[in-house]
């Protein structure tokens, strides 16, 4: 339990931010799974469309500081290889 009013406020803010970050990470993981699923089923058009949507969400997540910019680049690179048929689905 916080001892001061400012500590109580900081606790509330931290809880709201943690929830927001968790939602963003969940959304990110879901979009990545959609791309991988489309690649596994062999539906190239769906994979390309899902990849484009995923890139936008990955960039948005990185710009808000929820994931690191290099992590975002790694996700995009691996997904691009999978969509092009050059990488393995990890």
Protein backbone atom coordinates (compact mmCIF):
# COMPACT_ATOMS: atom_id res chain seq x y z
CA UNK A 1 0.00 0.00 0.00
CA UNK A 2 1.29 3.45 -0.86
CA UNK A 3 1.93 5.77 2.05
CA UNK A 4 1.39 9.11 0.34
CA UNK A 5 -1.16 10.57 -2.06
CA UNK A 6 1.46 10.96 -4.76
CA UNK A 7 2.52 7.33 -4.39
CA UNK A 8 -1.14 6.25 -4.66
CA UNK A 9 -1.52 8.26 -7.84
CA UNK A 10 1.66 6.80 -9.26
CA UNK A 11 0.36 3.30 -8.53
CA UNK A 12 -2.90 4.06 -10.36
CA UNK A 13 -1.03 5.46 -13.34
CA UNK A 14 1.28 2.45 -13.47
CA UNK A 15 -1.70 0.10 -13.48
CA UNK A 16 -3.38 1.96 -16.34
CA UNK A 17 -0.16 2.02 -18.36
CA UNK A 18 0.50 -1.67 -17.74
CA UNK A 19 -2.99 -2.52 -18.99
CA UNK A 20 -2.52 -0.35 -22.09
CA UNK A 21 0.85 -1.94 -22.83
CA UNK A 22 -0.56 -5.45 -22.34
CA UNK A 23 -3.38 -4.72 -24.79
CA UNK A 24 -0.94 -3.39 -27.37
CA UNK A 25 1.36 -6.40 -27.04
CA UNK A 26 -1.57 -8.79 -27.33
CA UNK A 27 -2.76 -7.00 -30.46
CA UNK A 28 0.77 -7.19 -31.87
CA UNK A 29 1.09 -10.92 -31.23
CA UNK A 30 -2.33 -11.59 -32.73
CA UNK A 31 -1.49 -9.81 -35.97
CA UNK A 32 1.80 -11.69 -36.24
CA UNK A 33 -0.06 -14.97 -35.76
CA UNK A 34 -2.49 -14.01 -38.54
CA UNK A 35 0.41 -13.54 -40.96
CA UNK A 36 2.00 -16.85 -39.98
CA UNK A 37 -1.31 -18.67 -40.28
CA UNK A 38 -1.90 -17.26 -43.77
CA UNK A 39 1.60 -18.34 -44.80
CA UNK A 40 1.09 -21.86 -43.41
CA UNK A 41 -2.21 -22.27 -45.26
CA UNK A 42 -0.57 -21.15 -48.48
CA UNK A 43 -2.90 -18.23 -49.12
CA UNK A 44 -0.49 -15.70 -50.57
CA UNK A 45 -3.01 -12.86 -51.03
CA UNK A 46 -4.18 -13.16 -47.43
CA UNK A 47 -0.57 -13.39 -46.24
CA UNK A 48 0.41 -10.19 -48.06
CA UNK A 49 -2.65 -8.34 -46.76
CA UNK A 50 -2.03 -9.58 -43.21
CA UNK A 51 1.64 -8.64 -43.51
CA UNK A 52 0.80 -5.08 -44.51
CA UNK A 53 -1.58 -4.75 -41.56
CA UNK A 54 1.03 -6.26 -39.25
CA UNK A 55 3.74 -3.84 -40.36
CA UNK A 56 1.51 -0.89 -39.49
CA UNK A 57 0.76 -2.28 -36.04
CA UNK A 58 4.41 -3.23 -35.43
CA UNK A 59 5.53 0.30 -36.33
CA UNK A 60 2.84 1.87 -34.16
CA UNK A 61 3.79 -0.33 -31.20
CA UNK A 62 7.45 0.57 -31.61
CA UNK A 63 6.74 4.29 -31.96
CA UNK A 64 4.92 4.24 -28.63
CA UNK A 65 7.91 2.59 -26.95
CA UNK A 66 6.09 -0.63 -26.10
CA UNK A 67 8.67 -2.65 -28.05
CA UNK A 68 12.16 -1.61 -29.08
CA UNK A 69 12.70 -0.34 -32.62
CA UNK A 70 15.16 -3.14 -33.38
CA UNK A 71 12.67 -5.70 -32.13
CA UNK A 72 10.14 -4.22 -34.54
CA UNK A 73 12.63 -4.43 -37.39
CA UNK A 74 13.36 -8.05 -36.55
CA UNK A 75 9.65 -8.95 -36.52
CA UNK A 76 9.08 -7.25 -39.88
CA UNK A 77 12.13 -8.86 -41.46
CA UNK A 78 11.20 -12.36 -40.36
CA UNK A 79 7.60 -11.97 -41.43
CA UNK A 80 8.66 -10.59 -44.82
CA UNK A 81 10.89 -13.63 -45.39
CA UNK A 82 8.05 -15.95 -44.45
CA UNK A 83 5.58 -14.20 -46.75
CA UNK A 84 8.10 -14.37 -49.62
CA UNK A 85 8.63 -18.06 -48.95
CA UNK A 86 12.29 -17.77 -48.02
CA UNK A 87 12.08 -18.25 -44.27
CA UNK A 88 10.88 -20.87 -41.87
CA UNK A 89 7.79 -20.36 -39.75
CA UNK A 90 9.23 -20.22 -36.24
